[in-house]
């Protein structure tokens, strides 16, 4: 019995009386396309009647290889860099017919067995390998402004990832021959304010390097409660260039990472492809009012 040929988008287009482009827009749920719902339903019905299978899935069935990549992002603080990394990773994977599944919790063996991914990307491990250069950008900026003793703002209840980011700040300070940064644990504004008051009275620490923008904003809020001003009383720099940092007054100085390009580069490396034009720009300081 001859093998049945695969149903294509062209077949669906003929059966539903629309163009192949319209079929593609409907079946891929392409945004910003003003296609009437009646037409969409006609296309979906024709695809179902013909037994249409998307090309990437059909190829996976023929090859016997999953075209799904799992990103394990557990433990990383949410923010602009994580969002941009995921966007770049998904964007690059889609060009080769691969899909992306993002896991924000602990990796489940049962889940991995169920989806049988082509690869698993351990994002916290990538941060461990590549985060130090960005921390150096942050601390070197403060050093160039004349700050010689800094504190590192980190969560009062630390986790492995933020602890690692704080360690990168300390390593950068040591490389610049600065004193070991003081720890500034951040939780509620009242407790943080007590610790800030002690730093202000110390008068040795003149700047705070926070491991995330959110922590930097918590520091600025506590400073406002104490009547302290940034950068006059204490300079503050964040990390990650989240959207709300620019809305604070004074606006938060922070560090920008080309996370989208990193995501594209990781996708290519995961698939065994050359990096090509996926070359991230170096981390840079977004200079605003707090440092």
Protein backbone atom coordinates (compact mmCIF):
# COMPACT_ATOMS: atom_id res chain seq x y z
CA UNK A 1 0.00 0.00 0.00
CA UNK A 2 1.60 3.31 -1.06
CA UNK A 3 2.58 5.75 1.68
CA UNK A 4 0.09 8.58 2.10
CA UNK A 5 1.63 11.92 1.17
CA UNK A 6 1.76 14.59 3.87
CA UNK A 7 -1.01 17.17 3.85
CA UNK A 8 0.42 20.62 3.23
CA UNK A 9 -0.75 24.17 3.84
CA UNK A 10 -1.44 24.39 0.11
CA UNK A 11 -3.93 21.52 0.47
CA UNK A 12 -5.64 23.29 3.34
CA UNK A 13 -5.74 26.52 1.31
CA UNK A 14 -7.44 24.81 -1.63
CA UNK A 15 -9.95 23.06 0.61
CA UNK A 16 -10.90 26.24 2.48
CA UNK A 17 -10.79 28.58 -0.54
CA UNK A 18 -8.23 31.00 0.85
CA UNK A 19 -4.58 31.82 0.18
CA UNK A 20 -1.71 29.82 1.63
CA UNK A 21 -0.63 32.96 3.53
CA UNK A 22 -4.02 33.15 5.22
CA UNK A 23 -3.74 29.49 6.23
CA UNK A 24 -0.31 30.19 7.71
CA UNK A 25 -1.60 33.19 9.65
CA UNK A 26 -4.55 31.24 11.07
CA UNK A 27 -2.76 28.02 11.97
CA UNK A 28 0.20 29.87 13.52
CA UNK A 29 -2.04 32.34 15.39
CA UNK A 30 -0.11 35.24 13.87
CA UNK A 31 -0.87 38.49 15.68
CA UNK A 32 -2.13 41.72 14.03
CA UNK A 33 -3.95 39.93 11.18
CA UNK A 34 -7.54 41.11 10.57
CA UNK A 35 -8.95 37.77 9.39
CA UNK A 36 -12.70 37.26 10.01
CA UNK A 37 -13.57 34.60 12.55
CA UNK A 38 -15.72 32.78 9.97
CA UNK A 39 -12.66 32.44 7.72
CA UNK A 40 -10.52 31.28 10.62
CA UNK A 41 -13.06 28.62 11.49
CA UNK A 42 -13.23 27.44 7.86
CA UNK A 43 -9.45 27.07 7.74
CA UNK A 44 -9.31 25.17 11.04
CA UNK A 45 -12.11 22.84 9.93
CA UNK A 46 -10.40 22.10 6.62
CA UNK A 47 -7.10 21.42 8.42
CA UNK A 48 -8.83 19.03 10.82
CA UNK A 49 -10.75 17.23 8.04
CA UNK A 50 -7.58 16.74 6.00
CA UNK A 51 -5.51 15.64 8.99
CA UNK A 52 -3.01 18.46 8.59
CA UNK A 53 0.04 18.17 10.87
CA UNK A 54 2.34 21.23 11.32
CA UNK A 55 5.61 20.73 9.50
CA UNK A 56 7.83 20.90 12.61
CA UNK A 57 5.82 18.18 14.32
CA UNK A 58 5.76 16.04 11.19
CA UNK A 59 9.52 16.37 10.91
CA UNK A 60 9.95 15.36 14.54
CA UNK A 61 7.81 12.26 13.93
CA UNK A 62 9.91 11.30 10.91
CA UNK A 63 13.21 11.95 12.67
CA UNK A 64 12.18 10.44 15.99
CA UNK A 65 13.77 13.44 17.71
CA UNK A 66 12.01 16.03 19.84
CA UNK A 67 12.16 19.58 18.56
CA UNK A 68 11.53 21.03 22.01
CA UNK A 69 14.12 22.79 24.17
CA UNK A 70 13.54 23.24 27.90
CA UNK A 71 14.87 26.33 29.66
CA UNK A 72 15.36 25.82 33.39
CA UNK A 73 15.14 29.34 34.84
CA UNK A 74 14.41 28.42 38.46
CA UNK A 75 15.88 30.74 41.06
CA UNK A 76 16.65 33.65 38.77
CA UNK A 77 15.01 36.92 39.80
CA UNK A 78 12.31 38.02 37.34
CA UNK A 79 13.10 41.12 35.36
CA UNK A 80 14.09 42.66 32.06
CA UNK A 81 17.13 40.44 31.46
CA UNK A 82 15.25 37.19 32.01
CA UNK A 83 12.39 38.30 29.76
CA UNK A 84 14.77 39.42 27.02
CA UNK A 85 16.84 36.23 27.25
CA UNK A 86 13.72 34.09 26.83
CA UNK A 87 12.58 36.22 23.87
CA UNK A 88 15.94 35.88 22.13
CA UNK A 89 16.15 32.15 22.82
CA UNK A 90 12.63 31.50 21.52
CA UNK A 91 13.14 33.75 18.52
CA UNK A 92 16.25 31.86 17.41
CA UNK A 93 14.83 28.40 18.10
CA UNK A 94 11.74 29.13 16.05
CA UNK A 95 13.82 29.81 12.93
CA UNK A 96 14.79 26.11 12.88
CA UNK A 97 11.36 24.78 13.78
CA UNK A 98 12.08 24.24 17.47
CA UNK A 99 9.82 25.16 20.35
CA UNK A 100 10.66 26.39 23.85
CA UNK A 101 9.31 25.30 27.22
CA UNK A 102 10.30 27.49 30.19
CA UNK A 103 10.37 25.97 33.67
CA UNK A 104 10.46 28.51 36.50
CA UNK A 105 10.42 25.93 39.28
CA UNK A 106 12.68 23.01 40.10
CA UNK A 107 13.40 20.68 37.24
CA UNK A 108 11.09 17.65 37.29
CA UNK A 109 12.47 14.35 36.07
CA UNK A 110 8.93 13.23 35.24
CA UNK A 111 8.37 16.39 33.18
CA UNK A 112 11.59 15.89 31.23
CA UNK A 113 10.74 12.25 30.59
CA UNK A 114 7.32 13.26 29.34
CA UNK A 115 8.47 15.90 26.84
CA UNK A 116 11.80 14.23 25.92
CA UNK A 117 13.43 17.57 24.98
CA UNK A 118 16.17 17.98 22.43
CA UNK A 119 18.16 19.83 25.12
CA UNK A 120 17.85 21.43 28.55
CA UNK A 121 19.37 24.88 29.10
CA UNK A 122 20.38 25.51 32.72
CA UNK A 123 20.17 29.30 32.96
CA UNK A 124 21.40 29.61 36.58
CA UNK A 125 24.54 27.71 35.55
CA UNK A 126 25.08 30.17 32.69
CA UNK A 127 24.83 33.05 35.17
CA UNK A 128 27.44 31.33 37.29
CA UNK A 129 29.81 31.25 34.34
CA UNK A 130 29.13 34.65 32.80
CA UNK A 131 27.81 37.04 35.46
CA UNK A 132 31.11 38.31 36.78
CA UNK A 133 31.88 40.59 33.82
CA UNK A 134 28.57 42.42 34.31
CA UNK A 135 29.26 42.80 38.04
CA UNK A 136 32.67 44.25 37.19
CA UNK A 137 30.93 46.86 35.01
CA UNK A 138 28.75 47.81 37.97
CA UNK A 139 31.53 48.05 40.57
CA UNK A 140 34.07 49.64 38.23
CA UNK A 141 31.60 52.43 37.51
CA UNK A 142 31.38 53.23 41.22
CA UNK A 143 35.17 52.99 41.53
CA UNK A 144 35.64 55.44 38.65
CA UNK A 145 33.34 57.89 40.45
CA UNK A 146 35.70 57.81 43.42
CA UNK A 147 33.86 55.36 45.68
CA UNK A 148 36.35 53.15 47.50
CA UNK A 149 34.10 51.26 49.93
CA UNK A 150 30.73 49.86 48.85
CA UNK A 151 27.96 47.72 50.27
CA UNK A 152 26.17 45.00 48.31
CA UNK A 153 22.37 44.96 48.63
CA UNK A 154 21.12 41.37 48.62
CA UNK A 155 17.98 39.61 49.89
CA UNK A 156 17.87 39.02 53.64
CA UNK A 157 16.75 35.49 52.78
CA UNK A 158 19.31 34.66 50.19
CA UNK A 159 19.02 31.95 47.55
CA UNK A 160 21.80 30.31 45.50
CA UNK A 161 21.39 32.61 42.49
CA UNK A 162 21.29 35.98 44.27
CA UNK A 163 24.06 34.80 46.58
CA UNK A 164 26.13 34.08 43.48
CA UNK A 165 25.39 37.54 42.07
CA UNK A 166 26.51 39.10 45.37
CA UNK A 167 29.69 37.02 45.23
CA UNK A 168 30.38 38.44 41.76
CA UNK A 169 30.16 41.97 43.21
CA UNK A 170 32.62 41.05 45.97
CA UNK A 171 34.99 39.43 43.49
CA UNK A 172 34.91 42.56 41.31
CA UNK A 173 35.72 44.73 44.35
CA UNK A 174 38.69 42.52 45.24
CA UNK A 175 39.98 42.72 41.67
CA UNK A 176 39.82 46.52 41.90
CA UNK A 177 41.70 46.37 45.24
CA UNK A 178 38.72 47.74 47.14
CA UNK A 179 37.80 46.66 50.68
CA UNK A 180 35.50 43.67 50.97
CA UNK A 181 31.96 45.03 50.35
CA UNK A 182 29.70 45.18 53.38
CA UNK A 183 26.51 43.13 53.15
CA UNK A 184 23.24 45.08 53.19
CA UNK A 185 20.45 42.50 53.64
CA UNK A 186 17.15 43.86 52.28
CA UNK A 187 13.74 42.74 53.50
CA UNK A 188 11.07 45.12 54.79
CA UNK A 189 11.69 48.87 54.67
CA UNK A 190 11.94 49.24 58.45
CA UNK A 191 14.65 46.64 58.96
CA UNK A 192 16.52 47.83 55.89
CA UNK A 193 16.35 51.37 57.23
CA UNK A 194 18.02 50.35 60.49
CA UNK A 195 20.89 48.81 58.57
CA UNK A 196 21.14 51.84 56.28
CA UNK A 197 21.32 54.18 59.25
CA UNK A 198 24.29 52.21 60.53
CA UNK A 199 25.99 52.50 57.12
CA UNK A 200 25.35 56.24 56.98
CA UNK A 201 26.85 56.75 60.45
CA UNK A 202 29.84 54.62 59.49
CA UNK A 203 30.74 57.12 56.72
CA UNK A 204 33.18 54.65 55.15
CA UNK A 205 30.71 53.07 52.75
CA UNK A 206 29.66 55.67 50.17
CA UNK A 207 27.81 53.55 47.62
CA UNK A 208 25.49 50.53 47.35
CA UNK A 209 25.65 48.01 44.50
CA UNK A 210 22.38 46.05 44.42
CA UNK A 211 22.15 42.65 42.75
CA UNK A 212 18.75 43.58 41.22
CA UNK A 213 16.89 46.78 40.43
CA UNK A 214 14.10 45.78 42.81
CA UNK A 215 16.53 45.60 45.72
CA UNK A 216 18.03 48.95 44.71
CA UNK A 217 14.56 50.51 44.80
CA UNK A 218 13.97 49.04 48.27
CA UNK A 219 17.19 50.73 49.38
CA UNK A 220 16.07 54.06 47.88
CA UNK A 221 12.70 53.76 49.63
CA UNK A 222 14.40 53.14 52.98
CA UNK A 223 16.73 56.08 52.33
CA UNK A 224 13.74 58.34 51.67
CA UNK A 225 12.21 57.27 54.98
CA UNK A 226 15.45 58.24 56.73
CA UNK A 227 15.74 61.57 54.95
CA UNK A 228 18.83 60.41 53.04
CA UNK A 229 19.41 61.44 49.44
CA UNK A 230 21.02 59.60 46.55
CA UNK A 231 23.71 60.14 45.48
CA UNK A 232 24.63 62.88 47.98
CA UNK A 233 24.41 60.73 51.10
CA UNK A 234 24.79 57.35 49.46
CA UNK A 235 25.11 56.43 45.78
CA UNK A 236 22.93 53.52 44.60
CA UNK A 237 23.24 51.43 41.44
CA UNK A 238 20.91 48.63 40.39
CA UNK A 239 21.31 45.72 38.03
CA UNK A 240 19.06 44.67 35.12
CA UNK A 241 17.50 47.94 33.84
CA UNK A 242 13.92 47.03 34.71
CA UNK A 243 11.26 49.38 33.37
CA UNK A 244 10.20 50.84 36.69
CA UNK A 245 13.73 51.93 37.68
CA UNK A 246 13.49 54.90 35.31
CA UNK A 247 10.18 55.97 36.91
CA UNK A 248 11.58 56.36 40.43
CA UNK A 249 12.65 59.79 41.60
CA UNK A 250 15.55 60.12 41.61
CA UNK A 251 15.75 57.79 38.60
CA UNK A 252 17.79 54.65 39.25
CA UNK A 253 21.24 54.21 37.75
CA UNK A 254 21.57 50.59 36.66
CA UNK A 255 23.39 48.05 34.47
CA UNK A 256 22.03 46.90 31.12
CA UNK A 257 22.76 43.42 29.75
CA UNK A 258 22.25 42.47 26.09
CA UNK A 259 20.19 39.47 27.22
CA UNK A 260 18.30 38.99 23.95
CA UNK A 261 21.55 38.44 22.06
CA UNK A 262 22.71 36.04 24.79
CA UNK A 263 19.49 34.10 24.32
CA UNK A 264 20.06 33.88 20.56
CA UNK A 265 23.66 32.76 21.05
CA UNK A 266 22.66 30.08 23.55
CA UNK A 267 20.00 28.80 21.14
CA UNK A 268 22.56 28.42 18.38
CA UNK A 269 25.05 26.72 20.66
CA UNK A 270 22.34 24.35 21.91
CA UNK A 271 21.53 23.32 18.34
CA UNK A 272 25.19 23.02 17.38
CA UNK A 273 25.06 26.02 15.05
CA UNK A 274 27.73 28.73 14.64
CA UNK A 275 27.15 31.90 16.65
CA UNK A 276 27.07 34.04 13.52
CA UNK A 277 25.74 37.52 14.27
CA UNK A 278 24.48 36.54 17.75
CA UNK A 279 27.24 38.46 19.51
CA UNK A 280 26.07 40.20 22.70
CA UNK A 281 27.24 43.72 23.35
CA UNK A 282 29.20 44.23 26.59
CA UNK A 283 27.26 45.13 29.73
CA UNK A 284 26.93 48.89 30.13
CA UNK A 285 25.85 51.35 32.80
CA UNK A 286 22.63 53.26 32.25
CA UNK A 287 23.54 56.46 34.03
CA UNK A 288 20.65 58.24 35.71
CA UNK A 289 20.40 60.19 38.96
CA UNK A 290 21.28 57.87 41.84
CA UNK A 291 24.97 57.25 41.10
